[in-house]
Amino acid sequence: MSDATYRYDEIDTLILTALDEDARMTVMALADRCGLARGTVQARLERYRSLGLFRKHSVRIDPLHLSRGLSAMVSAELDQHQLGDAVVAVSRIPEVLECFAPAGETDLVCRVVARDPDDLYRVSEEIRLCPGIVRTRTSVFLRRVIPYRMDLLLAASRPARRPPD
């Protein structure tokens, strides 16, 4: 069973919502928080890991603490015959935090960080000079108004409760 076909239930929602709030919680603390047996929580965590449901584990640092306080999106149009080469080259640029291939006129959208506007220009140029990239457009983020979150999505994904018989 893949993560796309995994059927989440009420227990999954409890566990995953608690983990979204504090991913470093111990199994015992998680069980207490959710009102579940430790063995139930441990079994669910093992199932999630084996199915690959969790993102890569890390303690993420804010780029600001690495003197990279400026964030932007760099959109790139490609020569479609060089998509693979472009992705490999872009993946080697340290300031590219993630990259997506959207539908539409843009071929790649990269979330990047930089020290200041001059550094952002350098990063954008590094991307533009990658093999197969024809043109780029950069949009600077002025501030984050909604941080990465999963709690509302988890709540919306709860299975509907069946009325008692």
N, C-alpha and C. Protein backbone atom coordinates (compact mmCIF):
# COMPACT_ATOMS: atom_id res chain seq x y z
N MET A 1 0.85 -1.18 0.00
CA MET A 1 0.00 0.00 0.00
C MET A 1 0.89 1.24 0.00
N SER A 2 0.66 2.18 -0.90
CA SER A 2 1.45 3.40 -0.95
C SER A 2 0.80 4.48 -0.10
N ASP A 3 1.54 5.58 0.12
CA ASP A 3 0.98 6.66 0.91
C ASP A 3 -0.24 7.28 0.24
N ALA A 4 -0.33 7.17 -1.10
CA ALA A 4 -1.47 7.74 -1.81
C ALA A 4 -2.75 6.95 -1.55
N THR A 5 -2.63 5.69 -1.17
CA THR A 5 -3.82 4.87 -0.96
C THR A 5 -4.05 4.56 0.51
N TYR A 6 -3.19 5.02 1.38
CA TYR A 6 -3.36 4.78 2.81
C TYR A 6 -4.64 5.45 3.29
N ARG A 7 -5.47 4.72 4.01
CA ARG A 7 -6.75 5.23 4.51
C ARG A 7 -6.56 5.71 5.95
N TYR A 8 -6.54 7.01 6.15
CA TYR A 8 -6.36 7.60 7.46
C TYR A 8 -7.63 7.45 8.29
N ASP A 9 -7.46 7.17 9.57
CA ASP A 9 -8.61 7.10 10.46
C ASP A 9 -8.44 8.12 11.57
N GLU A 10 -9.36 8.12 12.51
CA GLU A 10 -9.36 9.08 13.62
C GLU A 10 -8.08 9.00 14.45
N ILE A 11 -7.58 7.79 14.67
CA ILE A 11 -6.34 7.61 15.45
C ILE A 11 -5.16 8.22 14.70
N ASP A 12 -5.09 7.99 13.39
CA ASP A 12 -4.02 8.60 12.59
C ASP A 12 -4.07 10.12 12.71
N THR A 13 -5.25 10.68 12.61
CA THR A 13 -5.39 12.13 12.69
C THR A 13 -4.92 12.66 14.04
N LEU A 14 -5.27 11.97 15.12
CA LEU A 14 -4.80 12.38 16.45
C LEU A 14 -3.27 12.38 16.52
N ILE A 15 -2.67 11.28 16.09
CA ILE A 15 -1.21 11.13 16.17
C ILE A 15 -0.51 12.14 15.27
N LEU A 16 -0.96 12.25 14.03
CA LEU A 16 -0.28 13.13 13.08
C LEU A 16 -0.45 14.61 13.44
N THR A 17 -1.59 14.97 14.00
CA THR A 17 -1.78 16.36 14.44
C THR A 17 -0.85 16.68 15.60
N ALA A 18 -0.73 15.77 16.56
CA ALA A 18 0.18 15.98 17.69
C ALA A 18 1.63 16.06 17.20
N LEU A 19 2.01 15.20 16.26
CA LEU A 19 3.38 15.24 15.74
C LEU A 19 3.64 16.52 14.95
N ASP A 20 2.61 17.05 14.29
CA ASP A 20 2.78 18.29 13.55
C ASP A 20 3.10 19.44 14.50
N GLU A 21 2.56 19.38 15.72
CA GLU A 21 2.83 20.41 16.72
C GLU A 21 4.20 20.24 17.35
N ASP A 22 4.64 18.99 17.55
CA ASP A 22 5.94 18.72 18.17
C ASP A 22 6.46 17.38 17.65
N ALA A 23 7.25 17.43 16.60
CA ALA A 23 7.75 16.22 15.95
C ALA A 23 8.76 15.46 16.80
N ARG A 24 9.29 16.07 17.85
CA ARG A 24 10.30 15.42 18.68
C ARG A 24 9.71 14.77 19.93
N MET A 25 8.40 14.74 20.00
CA MET A 25 7.72 14.15 21.15
C MET A 25 8.07 12.67 21.27
N THR A 26 8.30 12.20 22.49
CA THR A 26 8.57 10.78 22.70
C THR A 26 7.30 9.98 22.45
N VAL A 27 7.47 8.68 22.24
CA VAL A 27 6.31 7.82 22.01
C VAL A 27 5.38 7.86 23.23
N MET A 28 5.96 7.84 24.42
CA MET A 28 5.14 7.87 25.64
C MET A 28 4.37 9.18 25.75
N ALA A 29 5.05 10.30 25.48
CA ALA A 29 4.38 11.60 25.54
C ALA A 29 3.28 11.69 24.49
N LEU A 30 3.57 11.15 23.31
CA LEU A 30 2.58 11.14 22.23
C LEU A 30 1.36 10.31 22.62
N ALA A 31 1.60 9.16 23.22
CA ALA A 31 0.49 8.30 23.66
C ALA A 31 -0.35 9.02 24.71
N ASP A 32 0.31 9.66 25.68
CA ASP A 32 -0.42 10.41 26.71
C ASP A 32 -1.24 11.54 26.09
N ARG A 33 -0.63 12.27 25.19
CA ARG A 33 -1.29 13.42 24.55
C ARG A 33 -2.53 12.99 23.77
N CYS A 34 -2.43 11.83 23.11
CA CYS A 34 -3.54 11.35 22.27
C CYS A 34 -4.52 10.46 23.02
N GLY A 35 -4.19 10.09 24.27
CA GLY A 35 -5.06 9.20 25.03
C GLY A 35 -5.07 7.79 24.47
N LEU A 36 -3.90 7.34 23.97
CA LEU A 36 -3.78 6.02 23.36
C LEU A 36 -2.74 5.19 24.09
N ALA A 37 -2.80 3.89 23.89
CA ALA A 37 -1.79 3.00 24.46
C ALA A 37 -0.46 3.21 23.72
N ARG A 38 0.65 3.08 24.46
CA ARG A 38 1.98 3.24 23.87
C ARG A 38 2.18 2.29 22.69
N GLY A 39 1.73 1.05 22.84
CA GLY A 39 1.89 0.07 21.77
C GLY A 39 1.14 0.46 20.50
N THR A 40 -0.02 1.06 20.66
CA THR A 40 -0.81 1.52 19.50
C THR A 40 -0.05 2.61 18.76
N VAL A 41 0.48 3.56 19.52
CA VAL A 41 1.22 4.67 18.91
C VAL A 41 2.48 4.13 18.23
N GLN A 42 3.21 3.25 18.90
CA GLN A 42 4.43 2.69 18.32
C GLN A 42 4.14 1.94 17.03
N ALA A 43 3.08 1.16 17.01
CA ALA A 43 2.71 0.40 15.81
C ALA A 43 2.34 1.35 14.66
N ARG A 44 1.62 2.41 14.98
CA ARG A 44 1.24 3.37 13.93
C ARG A 44 2.47 4.09 13.39
N LEU A 45 3.38 4.49 14.27
CA LEU A 45 4.60 5.17 13.81
C LEU A 45 5.42 4.26 12.90
N GLU A 46 5.53 2.99 13.25
CA GLU A 46 6.27 2.04 12.41
C GLU A 46 5.58 1.89 11.06
N ARG A 47 4.25 1.84 11.05
CA ARG A 47 3.51 1.74 9.79
C ARG A 47 3.77 2.97 8.93
N TYR A 48 3.71 4.17 9.53
CA TYR A 48 3.95 5.40 8.76
C TYR A 48 5.35 5.39 8.16
N ARG A 49 6.34 4.96 8.96
CA ARG A 49 7.72 4.92 8.45
C ARG A 49 7.86 3.92 7.31
N SER A 50 7.30 2.74 7.47
CA SER A 50 7.44 1.70 6.44
C SER A 50 6.73 2.09 5.15
N LEU A 51 5.67 2.88 5.25
CA LEU A 51 4.95 3.34 4.06
C LEU A 51 5.56 4.61 3.46
N GLY A 52 6.54 5.18 4.15
CA GLY A 52 7.17 6.40 3.65
C GLY A 52 6.29 7.63 3.78
N LEU A 53 5.42 7.67 4.78
CA LEU A 53 4.49 8.80 4.93
C LEU A 53 5.17 10.06 5.45
N PHE A 54 6.25 9.90 6.21
CA PHE A 54 6.91 11.06 6.79
C PHE A 54 7.89 11.68 5.81
N ARG A 55 8.02 13.00 5.89
CA ARG A 55 9.06 13.69 5.14
C ARG A 55 10.41 13.37 5.77
N LYS A 56 11.46 13.68 5.07
CA LYS A 56 12.81 13.45 5.59
C LYS A 56 12.95 14.07 6.97
N HIS A 57 13.45 13.28 7.91
CA HIS A 57 13.60 13.76 9.29
C HIS A 57 14.81 14.68 9.40
N SER A 58 14.58 15.81 9.99
CA SER A 58 15.68 16.72 10.28
C SER A 58 15.20 17.75 11.27
N VAL A 59 16.13 18.43 11.83
CA VAL A 59 15.82 19.59 12.62
C VAL A 59 16.20 20.75 11.72
N ARG A 60 15.20 21.38 11.15
CA ARG A 60 15.44 22.40 10.13
C ARG A 60 15.81 23.73 10.77
N ILE A 61 16.80 24.36 10.18
CA ILE A 61 17.23 25.67 10.66
C ILE A 61 16.67 26.72 9.70
N ASP A 62 16.28 27.86 10.23
CA ASP A 62 15.79 28.95 9.41
C ASP A 62 16.98 29.53 8.65
N PRO A 63 16.87 29.71 7.32
CA PRO A 63 18.00 30.27 6.55
C PRO A 63 18.48 31.62 7.07
N LEU A 64 17.61 32.34 7.76
CA LEU A 64 18.00 33.62 8.34
C LEU A 64 19.20 33.45 9.27
N HIS A 65 19.26 32.32 9.98
CA HIS A 65 20.36 32.06 10.91
C HIS A 65 21.65 31.67 10.19
N LEU A 66 21.57 31.54 8.87
CA LEU A 66 22.77 31.31 8.06
C LEU A 66 23.04 32.55 7.19
N SER A 67 22.55 33.69 7.67
CA SER A 67 22.70 34.97 6.98
C SER A 67 22.05 34.97 5.61
N ARG A 68 20.97 34.23 5.46
CA ARG A 68 20.22 34.20 4.20
C ARG A 68 18.77 34.61 4.49
N GLY A 69 18.57 35.89 4.81
CA GLY A 69 17.26 36.37 5.22
C GLY A 69 16.33 36.76 4.09
N LEU A 70 16.84 36.81 2.86
CA LEU A 70 16.01 37.18 1.71
C LEU A 70 15.55 35.91 1.01
N SER A 71 14.23 35.79 0.80
CA SER A 71 13.67 34.62 0.12
C SER A 71 12.99 35.06 -1.16
N ALA A 72 13.01 34.18 -2.15
CA ALA A 72 12.39 34.51 -3.44
C ALA A 72 12.00 33.23 -4.18
N MET A 73 11.19 33.41 -5.20
CA MET A 73 10.87 32.34 -6.15
C MET A 73 11.51 32.73 -7.47
N VAL A 74 12.25 31.80 -8.04
CA VAL A 74 12.82 32.00 -9.36
C VAL A 74 12.12 31.03 -10.30
N SER A 75 11.40 31.57 -11.27
CA SER A 75 10.71 30.76 -12.27
C SER A 75 11.61 30.66 -13.49
N ALA A 76 11.67 29.47 -14.07
CA ALA A 76 12.56 29.26 -15.22
C ALA A 76 11.81 28.61 -16.37
N GLU A 77 12.08 29.10 -17.56
CA GLU A 77 11.59 28.47 -18.79
C GLU A 77 12.76 27.70 -19.38
N LEU A 78 12.48 26.50 -19.89
CA LEU A 78 13.53 25.59 -20.34
C LEU A 78 13.42 25.21 -21.80
N ASP A 79 14.54 24.78 -22.33
CA ASP A 79 14.57 24.00 -23.55
C ASP A 79 14.20 22.60 -23.09
N GLN A 80 13.01 22.12 -23.48
CA GLN A 80 12.48 20.86 -22.95
C GLN A 80 13.41 19.67 -23.16
N HIS A 81 14.28 19.73 -24.16
CA HIS A 81 15.21 18.63 -24.41
C HIS A 81 16.30 18.54 -23.35
N GLN A 82 16.43 19.58 -22.54
CA GLN A 82 17.49 19.60 -21.53
C GLN A 82 16.93 19.67 -20.11
N LEU A 83 15.71 19.22 -19.91
CA LEU A 83 15.09 19.27 -18.59
C LEU A 83 15.95 18.57 -17.53
N GLY A 84 16.38 17.35 -17.83
CA GLY A 84 17.18 16.59 -16.86
C GLY A 84 18.47 17.30 -16.50
N ASP A 85 19.18 17.82 -17.50
CA ASP A 85 20.43 18.55 -17.25
C ASP A 85 20.19 19.79 -16.39
N ALA A 86 19.08 20.49 -16.68
CA ALA A 86 18.75 21.70 -15.92
C ALA A 86 18.49 21.36 -14.46
N VAL A 87 17.72 20.32 -14.22
CA VAL A 87 17.39 19.94 -12.85
C VAL A 87 18.66 19.54 -12.08
N VAL A 88 19.53 18.77 -12.72
CA VAL A 88 20.78 18.38 -12.06
C VAL A 88 21.60 19.61 -11.71
N ALA A 89 21.73 20.55 -12.64
CA ALA A 89 22.52 21.75 -12.40
C ALA A 89 21.91 22.62 -11.31
N VAL A 90 20.59 22.81 -11.35
CA VAL A 90 19.93 23.63 -10.33
C VAL A 90 20.07 22.98 -8.96
N SER A 91 20.01 21.66 -8.90
CA SER A 91 20.10 20.97 -7.60
C SER A 91 21.47 21.15 -6.94
N ARG A 92 22.45 21.59 -7.68
CA ARG A 92 23.80 21.81 -7.13
C ARG A 92 23.99 23.21 -6.54
N ILE A 93 23.00 24.08 -6.69
CA ILE A 93 23.11 25.44 -6.18
C ILE A 93 22.62 25.44 -4.73
N PRO A 94 23.50 25.73 -3.76
CA PRO A 94 23.12 25.60 -2.35
C PRO A 94 21.94 26.45 -1.92
N GLU A 95 21.77 27.60 -2.54
CA GLU A 95 20.69 28.51 -2.14
C GLU A 95 19.31 28.09 -2.65
N VAL A 96 19.25 27.07 -3.51
CA VAL A 96 17.97 26.55 -3.97
C VAL A 96 17.48 25.55 -2.92
N LEU A 97 16.44 25.92 -2.19
CA LEU A 97 15.93 25.08 -1.10
C LEU A 97 15.01 23.98 -1.61
N GLU A 98 14.23 24.28 -2.64
CA GLU A 98 13.36 23.29 -3.26
C GLU A 98 12.98 23.79 -4.63
N CYS A 99 12.54 22.85 -5.47
CA CYS A 99 12.22 23.19 -6.85
C CYS A 99 11.04 22.34 -7.29
N PHE A 100 10.12 22.96 -8.02
CA PHE A 100 8.90 22.28 -8.48
C PHE A 100 8.79 22.39 -9.99
N ALA A 101 8.10 21.44 -10.60
CA ALA A 101 7.78 21.48 -12.03
C ALA A 101 6.28 21.69 -12.16
N PRO A 102 5.83 22.94 -12.31
CA PRO A 102 4.40 23.21 -12.36
C PRO A 102 3.81 23.02 -13.75
N ALA A 103 2.49 23.00 -13.82
CA ALA A 103 1.81 23.03 -15.11
C ALA A 103 1.77 24.48 -15.58
N GLY A 104 1.71 24.69 -16.88
CA GLY A 104 1.62 26.05 -17.40
C GLY A 104 2.86 26.46 -18.15
N GLU A 105 3.02 27.76 -18.31
CA GLU A 105 4.11 28.30 -19.12
C GLU A 105 5.47 28.15 -18.46
N THR A 106 5.52 28.18 -17.14
CA THR A 106 6.79 28.06 -16.42
C THR A 106 7.15 26.58 -16.30
N ASP A 107 8.42 26.26 -16.49
CA ASP A 107 8.86 24.87 -16.43
C ASP A 107 9.37 24.47 -15.05
N LEU A 108 10.06 25.37 -14.37
CA LEU A 108 10.55 25.11 -13.02
C LEU A 108 10.29 26.33 -12.14
N VAL A 109 9.97 26.08 -10.89
CA VAL A 109 9.84 27.16 -9.90
C VAL A 109 10.71 26.76 -8.72
N CYS A 110 11.69 27.60 -8.42
CA CYS A 110 12.65 27.32 -7.36
C CYS A 110 12.46 28.30 -6.20
N ARG A 111 12.40 27.77 -4.99
CA ARG A 111 12.41 28.62 -3.81
C ARG A 111 13.86 28.78 -3.41
N VAL A 112 14.32 30.03 -3.35
CA VAL A 112 15.72 30.30 -3.08
C VAL A 112 15.86 31.27 -1.91
N VAL A 113 17.05 31.30 -1.34
CA VAL A 113 17.39 32.27 -0.30
C VAL A 113 18.69 32.96 -0.69
N ALA A 114 18.87 34.16 -0.13
CA ALA A 114 20.08 34.94 -0.42
C ALA A 114 20.37 35.87 0.75
N ARG A 115 21.58 36.42 0.74
CA ARG A 115 22.00 37.33 1.81
C ARG A 115 21.34 38.71 1.67
N ASP A 116 21.25 39.18 0.42
CA ASP A 116 20.75 40.53 0.14
C ASP A 116 20.39 40.58 -1.35
N PRO A 117 19.89 41.72 -1.85
CA PRO A 117 19.51 41.78 -3.27
C PRO A 117 20.64 41.45 -4.24
N ASP A 118 21.86 41.89 -3.95
CA ASP A 118 22.98 41.57 -4.84
C ASP A 118 23.25 40.06 -4.87
N ASP A 119 23.15 39.43 -3.71
CA ASP A 119 23.35 37.98 -3.65
C ASP A 119 22.21 37.26 -4.37
N LEU A 120 20.98 37.77 -4.25
CA LEU A 120 19.86 37.18 -4.97
C LEU A 120 20.09 37.27 -6.48
N TYR A 121 20.64 38.38 -6.94
CA TYR A 121 20.97 38.52 -8.36
C TYR A 121 21.96 37.43 -8.78
N ARG A 122 22.98 37.21 -7.94
CA ARG A 122 23.97 36.16 -8.23
C ARG A 122 23.30 34.79 -8.31
N VAL A 123 22.44 34.47 -7.34
CA VAL A 123 21.75 33.17 -7.32
C VAL A 123 20.87 33.03 -8.56
N SER A 124 20.14 34.08 -8.90
CA SER A 124 19.27 34.04 -10.09
C SER A 124 20.10 33.83 -11.36
N GLU A 125 21.24 34.46 -11.41
CA GLU A 125 22.13 34.28 -12.58
C GLU A 125 22.68 32.86 -12.64
N GLU A 126 23.03 32.30 -11.49
CA GLU A 126 23.49 30.89 -11.47
C GLU A 126 22.42 29.99 -12.05
N ILE A 127 21.18 30.23 -11.68
CA ILE A 127 20.08 29.42 -12.21
C ILE A 127 19.95 29.67 -13.71
N ARG A 128 19.95 30.93 -14.13
CA ARG A 128 19.78 31.27 -15.56
C ARG A 128 20.87 30.64 -16.43
N LEU A 129 22.06 30.49 -15.88
CA LEU A 129 23.18 29.95 -16.65
C LEU A 129 23.24 28.43 -16.65
N CYS A 130 22.29 27.77 -15.99
CA CYS A 130 22.25 26.30 -16.00
C CYS A 130 21.90 25.82 -17.40
N PRO A 131 22.41 24.65 -17.80
CA PRO A 131 22.11 24.12 -19.13
C PRO A 131 20.61 24.00 -19.35
N GLY A 132 20.16 24.47 -20.50
CA GLY A 132 18.76 24.31 -20.88
C GLY A 132 17.84 25.41 -20.40
N ILE A 133 18.30 26.26 -19.50
CA ILE A 133 17.43 27.34 -19.02
C ILE A 133 17.53 28.51 -19.98
N VAL A 134 16.38 28.90 -20.48
CA VAL A 134 16.30 29.94 -21.50
C VAL A 134 16.07 31.31 -20.88
N ARG A 135 15.22 31.37 -19.84
CA ARG A 135 14.85 32.64 -19.25
C ARG A 135 14.39 32.41 -17.81
N THR A 136 14.61 33.42 -16.96
CA THR A 136 14.14 33.33 -15.57
C THR A 136 13.38 34.60 -15.20
N ARG A 137 12.54 34.48 -14.19
CA ARG A 137 11.83 35.60 -13.57
C ARG A 137 11.93 35.40 -12.07
N THR A 138 12.18 36.48 -11.35
CA THR A 138 12.36 36.38 -9.90
C THR A 138 11.31 37.21 -9.18
N SER A 139 10.69 36.62 -8.17
CA SER A 139 9.74 37.32 -7.31
C SER A 139 10.26 37.24 -5.88
N VAL A 140 10.46 38.39 -5.27
CA VAL A 140 11.00 38.44 -3.90
C VAL A 140 9.83 38.34 -2.91
N PHE A 141 10.02 37.55 -1.86
CA PHE A 141 9.05 37.47 -0.79
C PHE A 141 9.34 38.59 0.20
N LEU A 142 8.32 39.37 0.51
CA LEU A 142 8.50 40.46 1.47
C LEU A 142 8.40 39.96 2.90
N ARG A 143 7.48 39.01 3.13
CA ARG A 143 7.36 38.38 4.45
C ARG A 143 6.51 37.13 4.31
N ARG A 144 6.64 36.24 5.28
CA ARG A 144 5.84 35.02 5.33
C ARG A 144 4.57 35.34 6.11
N VAL A 145 3.43 35.10 5.48
CA VAL A 145 2.17 35.39 6.17
C VAL A 145 1.50 34.13 6.69
N ILE A 146 1.79 32.97 6.12
CA ILE A 146 1.30 31.68 6.63
C ILE A 146 2.49 30.72 6.58
N PRO A 147 2.97 30.28 7.74
CA PRO A 147 4.09 29.33 7.73
C PRO A 147 3.63 27.94 7.28
N TYR A 148 4.59 27.10 6.93
CA TYR A 148 4.27 25.73 6.55
C TYR A 148 3.46 25.10 7.67
N ARG A 149 2.39 24.43 7.30
CA ARG A 149 1.51 23.84 8.30
C ARG A 149 0.81 22.63 7.74
N MET A 150 0.37 21.76 8.61
CA MET A 150 -0.39 20.58 8.22
C MET A 150 -1.64 20.40 9.06
N ASP A 151 -1.76 21.12 10.16
CA ASP A 151 -2.85 20.89 11.10
C ASP A 151 -4.24 21.05 10.48
N LEU A 152 -4.46 22.09 9.69
CA LEU A 152 -5.78 22.27 9.08
C LEU A 152 -6.08 21.20 8.04
N LEU A 153 -5.07 20.81 7.28
CA LEU A 153 -5.27 19.75 6.29
C LEU A 153 -5.58 18.43 6.96
N LEU A 154 -4.87 18.13 8.05
CA LEU A 154 -5.16 16.91 8.80
C LEU A 154 -6.59 16.93 9.34
N ALA A 155 -7.00 18.07 9.88
CA ALA A 155 -8.36 18.18 10.40
C ALA A 155 -9.39 18.01 9.29
N ALA A 156 -9.13 18.58 8.13
CA ALA A 156 -10.06 18.47 7.00
C ALA A 156 -10.08 17.07 6.42
N SER A 157 -9.03 16.29 6.66
CA SER A 157 -8.93 14.94 6.11
C SER A 157 -9.51 13.88 7.04
N ARG A 158 -9.99 14.29 8.20
CA ARG A 158 -10.56 13.32 9.14
C ARG A 158 -11.71 12.59 8.47
N PRO A 159 -11.77 11.28 8.68
CA PRO A 159 -12.90 10.54 8.14
C PRO A 159 -14.19 10.97 8.85
N ALA A 160 -15.27 10.98 8.12
CA ALA A 160 -16.56 11.35 8.71
C ALA A 160 -16.95 10.28 9.73
N ARG A 161 -17.42 10.75 10.85
CA ARG A 161 -17.88 9.80 11.88
C ARG A 161 -19.22 9.25 11.49
N ARG A 162 -19.35 7.95 11.67
CA ARG A 162 -20.65 7.30 11.40
C ARG A 162 -21.53 7.46 12.62
N PRO A 163 -22.80 7.74 12.39
CA PRO A 163 -23.70 7.84 13.55
C PRO A 163 -23.85 6.48 14.22
N PRO A 164 -24.04 6.48 15.53
CA PRO A 164 -24.20 5.19 16.23
C PRO A 164 -25.44 4.46 15.74
N ASP A 165 -25.36 3.15 15.75
CA ASP A 165 -26.50 2.33 15.31
C ASP A 165 -27.58 2.27 16.34
